[in-house]
Amino acid sequence: MTQIEGQIEEKGYTHPEALVSTEWVARHLDDTENTRIVESDEDVLLYDIGHVPNAVKIDWVEDLNDPVTRDYVDPEHFAALMSEKGIGLDTTVFSTGTRTTGGPPTPCGSSGSSVTRTYASWTAAASSGRPRAAR
């Protein structure tokens, strides 16, 4: 366990297992078979400026909103989107974006995927040498 991972445990979060460190993300950057990094930003142009390497973009307006009902897409469309992004029932999903309390909605028990969020901002970590990819 790294120092940051220990800090996550010490903070007393209700579900510390749902948070990961930037070190964890760095260890899983190239494991695209078992892990998918999903970036969903409030400003949809940010992904093109720079994102976590190997992250897939989910546009919260274009991908997640139903244009007719003006609500989130239904489970069938969400499942199809996840499949298009390489996310299956056994995939660990790391969700990141400009709003750490936002990001794409999770499957809410509709699949076996586990969804995690970073404890520290990947963007902030980039200033200490973590890579950022650009389109």
Protein backbone atom coordinates (compact mmCIF):
# COMPACT_ATOMS: atom_id res chain seq x y z
CA MET A 1 0.00 0.00 0.00
CA THR A 2 1.39 3.40 -0.99
CA GLN A 3 1.36 6.44 1.29
CA ILE A 4 -1.56 7.97 -0.68
CA GLU A 5 -3.52 4.72 -0.53
CA GLY A 6 -2.94 4.69 3.24
CA GLN A 7 -4.24 8.27 3.44
CA ILE A 8 -7.39 7.22 1.59
CA GLU A 9 -8.02 4.55 4.24
CA GLU A 10 -7.29 6.98 7.10
CA LYS A 11 -9.76 9.65 5.91
CA GLY A 12 -12.76 7.59 6.94
CA TYR A 13 -14.59 7.68 3.60
CA THR A 14 -17.77 5.63 3.57
CA HIS A 15 -16.54 3.66 0.54
CA PRO A 16 -12.74 4.03 0.35
CA GLU A 17 -12.67 1.09 -2.05
CA ALA A 18 -14.26 3.40 -4.64
CA LEU A 19 -11.22 5.71 -4.61
CA VAL A 20 -7.83 5.06 -6.12
CA SER A 21 -4.55 6.93 -6.08
CA THR A 22 -2.81 8.40 -9.09
CA GLU A 23 -0.20 5.70 -8.53
CA TRP A 24 -2.90 3.06 -9.02
CA VAL A 25 -3.98 4.76 -12.25
CA ALA A 26 -0.36 4.90 -13.44
CA ARG A 27 0.03 1.15 -12.77
CA HIS A 28 -3.07 0.40 -14.86
CA LEU A 29 -2.61 2.80 -17.81
CA ASP A 30 -1.77 0.06 -20.28
CA ASP A 31 -4.13 -2.60 -18.93
CA THR A 32 -6.87 -1.77 -21.42
CA GLU A 33 -8.10 -5.37 -21.44
CA ASN A 34 -9.18 -5.32 -17.78
CA THR A 35 -9.28 -1.60 -16.94
CA ARG A 36 -10.79 1.35 -18.81
CA ILE A 37 -10.15 4.94 -17.94
CA VAL A 38 -13.18 7.06 -18.79
CA GLU A 39 -12.92 10.84 -18.96
CA SER A 40 -16.05 12.94 -18.99
CA ASP A 41 -15.55 16.67 -18.66
CA GLU A 42 -18.08 19.43 -18.13
CA ASP A 43 -16.15 21.35 -20.81
CA VAL A 44 -16.25 18.80 -23.62
CA LEU A 45 -13.20 20.34 -25.33
CA LEU A 46 -10.85 19.51 -22.46
CA TYR A 47 -10.33 15.89 -23.53
CA ASP A 48 -8.82 17.09 -26.80
CA ILE A 49 -6.46 19.45 -24.96
CA GLY A 50 -5.10 16.69 -22.74
CA HIS A 51 -6.30 13.60 -20.92
CA VAL A 52 -5.08 10.58 -19.02
CA PRO A 53 -3.21 8.31 -21.48
CA ASN A 54 -5.44 5.56 -22.95
CA ALA A 55 -8.58 7.23 -21.56
CA VAL A 56 -11.75 7.01 -23.59
CA LYS A 57 -13.92 10.10 -23.93
CA ILE A 58 -17.55 10.08 -22.95
CA ASP A 59 -19.28 13.31 -23.86
CA TRP A 60 -21.85 13.82 -21.14
CA VAL A 61 -24.13 15.71 -23.55
CA GLU A 62 -23.77 13.76 -26.80
CA ASP A 63 -23.24 10.28 -25.32
CA LEU A 64 -25.27 10.27 -22.12
CA ASN A 65 -28.31 12.44 -22.79
CA ASP A 66 -31.36 11.32 -24.70
CA PRO A 67 -32.29 14.14 -27.09
CA VAL A 68 -35.99 13.23 -27.04
CA THR A 69 -36.65 12.66 -23.35
CA ARG A 70 -34.02 15.21 -22.26
CA ASP A 71 -32.87 12.76 -19.61
CA TYR A 72 -30.06 10.23 -19.37
CA VAL A 73 -30.05 7.49 -21.97
CA ASP A 74 -31.88 4.28 -21.09
CA PRO A 75 -30.00 1.19 -19.86
CA GLU A 76 -29.88 -0.37 -23.34
CA HIS A 77 -28.21 2.69 -24.87
CA PHE A 78 -25.87 2.99 -21.91
CA ALA A 79 -24.86 -0.67 -22.27
CA ALA A 80 -24.23 -0.16 -26.00
CA LEU A 81 -22.09 2.91 -25.27
CA MET A 82 -20.06 0.99 -22.70
CA SER A 83 -19.53 -1.83 -25.18
CA GLU A 84 -18.36 0.67 -27.83
CA LYS A 85 -15.83 2.01 -25.31
CA GLY A 86 -14.48 -1.46 -24.52
CA ILE A 87 -16.22 -1.78 -21.18
CA GLY A 88 -17.69 -5.14 -20.30
CA LEU A 89 -19.08 -6.84 -17.23
CA ASP A 90 -15.62 -7.70 -15.92
CA THR A 91 -13.99 -4.32 -16.63
CA THR A 92 -12.74 -2.10 -13.83
CA VAL A 93 -13.70 1.45 -14.76
CA PHE A 94 -11.76 4.47 -13.55
CA SER A 95 -13.84 7.60 -13.99
CA THR A 96 -12.24 11.03 -14.16
CA GLY A 97 -13.16 14.48 -15.38
CA THR A 98 -13.36 18.13 -14.46
CA ARG A 99 -16.05 17.62 -11.85
CA THR A 100 -14.87 14.99 -9.39
CA THR A 101 -18.39 14.56 -8.06
CA GLY A 102 -19.79 14.32 -11.57
CA GLY A 103 -18.59 12.28 -14.48
CA PRO A 104 -20.54 9.62 -16.25
CA PRO A 105 -23.26 7.81 -14.34
CA THR A 106 -22.28 4.39 -13.09
CA PRO A 107 -24.13 1.23 -14.10
CA CYS A 108 -25.77 1.17 -10.64
CA GLY A 109 -25.70 -2.57 -10.32
CA SER A 110 -26.68 -3.26 -13.93
CA SER A 111 -23.31 -4.91 -14.59
CA GLY A 112 -20.41 -6.47 -12.80
CA SER A 113 -18.07 -3.57 -13.55
CA SER A 114 -16.50 -1.81 -10.62
CA VAL A 115 -16.28 1.96 -10.92
CA THR A 116 -13.56 3.91 -9.12
CA ARG A 117 -12.57 7.54 -8.85
CA THR A 118 -9.18 9.03 -8.20
CA TYR A 119 -8.26 10.40 -4.79
CA ALA A 120 -6.00 13.04 -6.29
CA SER A 121 -6.53 14.90 -9.53
CA TRP A 122 -4.65 13.41 -12.46
CA THR A 123 -4.28 16.94 -13.82
CA ALA A 124 -2.58 18.02 -10.62
CA ALA A 125 -0.44 14.90 -10.73
CA ALA A 126 0.66 15.88 -14.25
CA SER A 127 2.52 18.80 -12.72
CA SER A 128 4.62 16.28 -10.81
CA GLY A 129 5.52 14.30 -13.91
CA ARG A 130 2.44 12.19 -14.67
CA PRO A 131 1.85 11.99 -18.41
CA ARG A 132 -1.04 13.66 -20.25
CA ALA A 133 -2.05 12.63 -23.73
CA ALA A 134 -3.38 14.99 -26.36
CA ARG A 135 -5.40 14.16 -29.38
